[in-house]
N, C-alpha and C. Protein backbone atom coordinates (compact mmCIF):
# COMPACT_ATOMS: atom_id res chain seq x y z
N MET A 1 0.84 -1.18 0.00
CA MET A 1 0.00 0.00 0.00
C MET A 1 0.89 1.24 0.00
N ASP A 2 0.45 2.20 -0.73
CA ASP A 2 1.18 3.45 -0.86
C ASP A 2 1.13 4.22 0.48
N PRO A 3 2.27 4.77 0.93
CA PRO A 3 2.27 5.51 2.20
C PRO A 3 1.29 6.69 2.21
N LYS A 4 1.07 7.30 1.05
CA LYS A 4 0.11 8.41 0.97
C LYS A 4 -1.28 7.94 1.37
N HIS A 5 -1.67 6.79 0.87
CA HIS A 5 -2.99 6.23 1.20
C HIS A 5 -3.06 5.79 2.66
N SER A 6 -1.97 5.28 3.17
CA SER A 6 -1.94 4.86 4.58
C SER A 6 -2.20 6.05 5.49
N THR A 7 -1.61 7.18 5.18
CA THR A 7 -1.79 8.38 5.98
C THR A 7 -3.24 8.87 5.91
N GLU A 8 -3.82 8.85 4.71
CA GLU A 8 -5.21 9.26 4.55
C GLU A 8 -6.16 8.35 5.32
N ILE A 9 -5.93 7.06 5.21
CA ILE A 9 -6.77 6.09 5.91
C ILE A 9 -6.64 6.28 7.42
N PHE A 10 -5.41 6.49 7.90
CA PHE A 10 -5.19 6.71 9.32
C PHE A 10 -5.95 7.94 9.81
N LYS A 11 -5.91 9.02 9.05
CA LYS A 11 -6.62 10.24 9.43
C LYS A 11 -8.13 10.01 9.45
N LEU A 12 -8.63 9.28 8.45
CA LEU A 12 -10.06 8.98 8.42
C LEU A 12 -10.47 8.12 9.62
N LEU A 13 -9.64 7.15 9.96
CA LEU A 13 -9.94 6.29 11.11
C LEU A 13 -9.91 7.07 12.42
N GLU A 14 -8.97 7.98 12.55
CA GLU A 14 -8.92 8.83 13.74
C GLU A 14 -10.18 9.70 13.84
N ASN A 15 -10.60 10.24 12.71
CA ASN A 15 -11.80 11.07 12.68
C ASN A 15 -13.03 10.23 13.06
N GLN A 16 -13.13 9.03 12.52
CA GLN A 16 -14.25 8.15 12.85
C GLN A 16 -14.23 7.79 14.33
N GLN A 17 -13.05 7.56 14.88
CA GLN A 17 -12.94 7.23 16.31
C GLN A 17 -13.45 8.39 17.17
N GLU A 18 -13.09 9.61 16.81
CA GLU A 18 -13.56 10.77 17.55
C GLU A 18 -15.09 10.90 17.48
N ILE A 19 -15.63 10.68 16.29
CA ILE A 19 -17.09 10.76 16.10
C ILE A 19 -17.78 9.68 16.92
N LEU A 20 -17.24 8.47 16.90
CA LEU A 20 -17.84 7.37 17.66
C LEU A 20 -17.75 7.62 19.17
N MET A 21 -16.64 8.16 19.63
CA MET A 21 -16.50 8.46 21.06
C MET A 21 -17.49 9.56 21.48
N GLU A 22 -17.68 10.55 20.64
CA GLU A 22 -18.65 11.61 20.93
C GLU A 22 -20.06 11.03 20.99
N ALA A 23 -20.39 10.15 20.06
CA ALA A 23 -21.71 9.50 20.07
C ALA A 23 -21.87 8.63 21.31
N TYR A 24 -20.81 7.91 21.69
CA TYR A 24 -20.85 7.06 22.90
C TYR A 24 -21.10 7.92 24.13
N ARG A 25 -20.39 9.02 24.26
CA ARG A 25 -20.57 9.90 25.42
C ARG A 25 -21.99 10.46 25.46
N SER A 26 -22.48 10.87 24.30
CA SER A 26 -23.83 11.43 24.22
C SER A 26 -24.87 10.39 24.62
N LEU A 27 -24.75 9.17 24.08
CA LEU A 27 -25.71 8.11 24.40
C LEU A 27 -25.59 7.68 25.86
N SER A 28 -24.38 7.66 26.37
CA SER A 28 -24.18 7.30 27.77
C SER A 28 -24.84 8.32 28.69
N LEU A 29 -24.68 9.59 28.38
CA LEU A 29 -25.31 10.64 29.16
C LEU A 29 -26.83 10.55 29.07
N GLU A 30 -27.35 10.31 27.88
CA GLU A 30 -28.80 10.18 27.69
C GLU A 30 -29.34 8.98 28.48
N LEU A 31 -28.61 7.86 28.45
CA LEU A 31 -29.02 6.68 29.21
C LEU A 31 -29.07 6.99 30.70
N HIS A 32 -28.04 7.65 31.20
CA HIS A 32 -28.00 8.00 32.61
C HIS A 32 -29.18 8.92 32.98
N THR A 33 -29.44 9.90 32.14
CA THR A 33 -30.56 10.82 32.37
C THR A 33 -31.88 10.06 32.42
N LEU A 34 -32.07 9.13 31.50
CA LEU A 34 -33.31 8.35 31.48
C LEU A 34 -33.43 7.43 32.69
N GLN A 35 -32.30 6.87 33.15
CA GLN A 35 -32.33 6.02 34.33
C GLN A 35 -32.70 6.82 35.58
N VAL A 36 -32.17 8.03 35.69
CA VAL A 36 -32.51 8.90 36.82
C VAL A 36 -33.99 9.27 36.75
N GLU A 37 -34.47 9.60 35.56
CA GLU A 37 -35.88 9.95 35.38
C GLU A 37 -36.78 8.76 35.72
N GLU A 38 -36.38 7.56 35.30
CA GLU A 38 -37.17 6.37 35.61
C GLU A 38 -37.25 6.16 37.12
N GLU A 39 -36.12 6.29 37.80
CA GLU A 39 -36.12 6.11 39.25
C GLU A 39 -37.03 7.13 39.93
N MET A 40 -36.97 8.38 39.50
CA MET A 40 -37.81 9.43 40.06
C MET A 40 -39.30 9.12 39.84
N LEU A 41 -39.64 8.69 38.62
CA LEU A 41 -41.03 8.37 38.31
C LEU A 41 -41.52 7.17 39.11
N MET A 42 -40.66 6.18 39.29
CA MET A 42 -41.05 5.00 40.06
C MET A 42 -41.28 5.37 41.53
N ARG A 43 -40.46 6.27 42.05
CA ARG A 43 -40.67 6.71 43.44
C ARG A 43 -41.99 7.47 43.57
N LYS A 44 -42.27 8.35 42.61
CA LYS A 44 -43.53 9.10 42.63
C LYS A 44 -44.73 8.15 42.50
N PHE A 45 -44.58 7.15 41.63
CA PHE A 45 -45.64 6.16 41.44
C PHE A 45 -45.88 5.39 42.73
N TYR A 46 -44.80 5.01 43.40
CA TYR A 46 -44.91 4.29 44.67
C TYR A 46 -45.60 5.17 45.72
N GLU A 47 -45.21 6.45 45.78
CA GLU A 47 -45.84 7.38 46.72
C GLU A 47 -47.34 7.50 46.42
N PHE A 48 -47.68 7.59 45.15
CA PHE A 48 -49.08 7.69 44.75
C PHE A 48 -49.85 6.44 45.15
N MET A 49 -49.27 5.29 44.84
CA MET A 49 -49.93 4.02 45.16
C MET A 49 -50.07 3.87 46.68
N SER A 50 -49.07 4.29 47.42
CA SER A 50 -49.14 4.22 48.88
C SER A 50 -50.24 5.14 49.41
N ALA A 51 -50.32 6.34 48.86
CA ALA A 51 -51.33 7.30 49.30
C ALA A 51 -52.74 6.78 49.03
N LYS A 52 -52.91 6.05 47.95
CA LYS A 52 -54.22 5.48 47.61
C LYS A 52 -54.51 4.20 48.39
N GLY A 53 -53.51 3.71 49.12
CA GLY A 53 -53.70 2.49 49.90
C GLY A 53 -53.63 1.23 49.08
N LEU A 54 -53.01 1.31 47.92
CA LEU A 54 -52.95 0.14 47.04
C LEU A 54 -51.71 -0.72 47.29
N ILE A 55 -50.80 -0.22 48.11
CA ILE A 55 -49.58 -0.97 48.41
C ILE A 55 -49.60 -1.32 49.88
N LYS A 56 -49.43 -2.59 50.18
CA LYS A 56 -49.37 -3.04 51.57
C LYS A 56 -47.93 -3.42 51.87
N LYS A 57 -47.41 -2.90 52.95
CA LYS A 57 -46.02 -3.19 53.31
C LYS A 57 -45.85 -4.68 53.60
N GLY A 58 -44.71 -5.20 53.16
CA GLY A 58 -44.40 -6.60 53.39
C GLY A 58 -44.99 -7.54 52.36
N LYS A 59 -45.76 -7.02 51.44
CA LYS A 59 -46.35 -7.85 50.38
C LYS A 59 -45.47 -7.80 49.14
N LYS A 60 -45.42 -8.91 48.44
CA LYS A 60 -44.72 -8.93 47.16
C LYS A 60 -45.58 -8.27 46.10
N GLU A 61 -44.96 -7.84 45.01
CA GLU A 61 -45.69 -7.17 43.94
C GLU A 61 -46.79 -8.06 43.39
N ASN A 62 -46.55 -9.36 43.31
CA ASN A 62 -47.54 -10.28 42.76
C ASN A 62 -48.77 -10.39 43.65
N ASP A 63 -48.65 -10.07 44.94
CA ASP A 63 -49.76 -10.19 45.87
C ASP A 63 -50.63 -8.95 45.91
N LEU A 64 -50.34 -7.95 45.07
CA LEU A 64 -51.12 -6.72 45.08
C LEU A 64 -52.53 -6.94 44.57
N TYR A 65 -52.71 -7.94 43.76
CA TYR A 65 -54.01 -8.18 43.14
C TYR A 65 -54.58 -9.49 43.65
N THR A 66 -55.88 -9.53 43.80
CA THR A 66 -56.51 -10.77 44.20
C THR A 66 -56.54 -11.73 43.01
N GLU A 67 -56.86 -12.96 43.27
CA GLU A 67 -56.83 -13.97 42.21
C GLU A 67 -57.86 -13.67 41.12
N ASP A 68 -59.00 -13.07 41.48
CA ASP A 68 -60.05 -12.87 40.48
C ASP A 68 -60.01 -11.49 39.82
N SER A 69 -59.05 -10.64 40.19
CA SER A 69 -58.97 -9.33 39.54
C SER A 69 -57.69 -9.21 38.76
N SER A 70 -57.74 -8.43 37.69
CA SER A 70 -56.55 -8.20 36.87
C SER A 70 -55.96 -6.85 37.25
N PRO A 71 -54.70 -6.57 36.85
CA PRO A 71 -54.10 -5.28 37.18
C PRO A 71 -54.91 -4.10 36.65
N SER A 72 -55.57 -4.24 35.51
CA SER A 72 -56.35 -3.12 34.97
C SER A 72 -57.60 -2.85 35.80
N GLU A 73 -58.13 -3.90 36.46
CA GLU A 73 -59.31 -3.73 37.29
C GLU A 73 -58.97 -3.12 38.65
N ALA A 74 -57.71 -3.20 39.06
CA ALA A 74 -57.29 -2.71 40.37
C ALA A 74 -57.18 -1.21 40.41
N GLN A 75 -57.30 -0.53 39.28
CA GLN A 75 -57.18 0.92 39.25
C GLN A 75 -58.37 1.49 39.93
């Protein structure tokens, strides 16, 4: 391979690496933001469910509904 082409390819690969690292950082930050938002929403949902008396302490999630009712009916 011609050294001129090797240099061009190397520069292109370096540029692609920078672009990929920037995309990785951006996606990583977005993922973290969404995870924090999910945790916040789950806490608010738990507070809401507790306030409505739909959550009993010491019960597993599966025990929230009786055998003859579905989750949509428990609203």
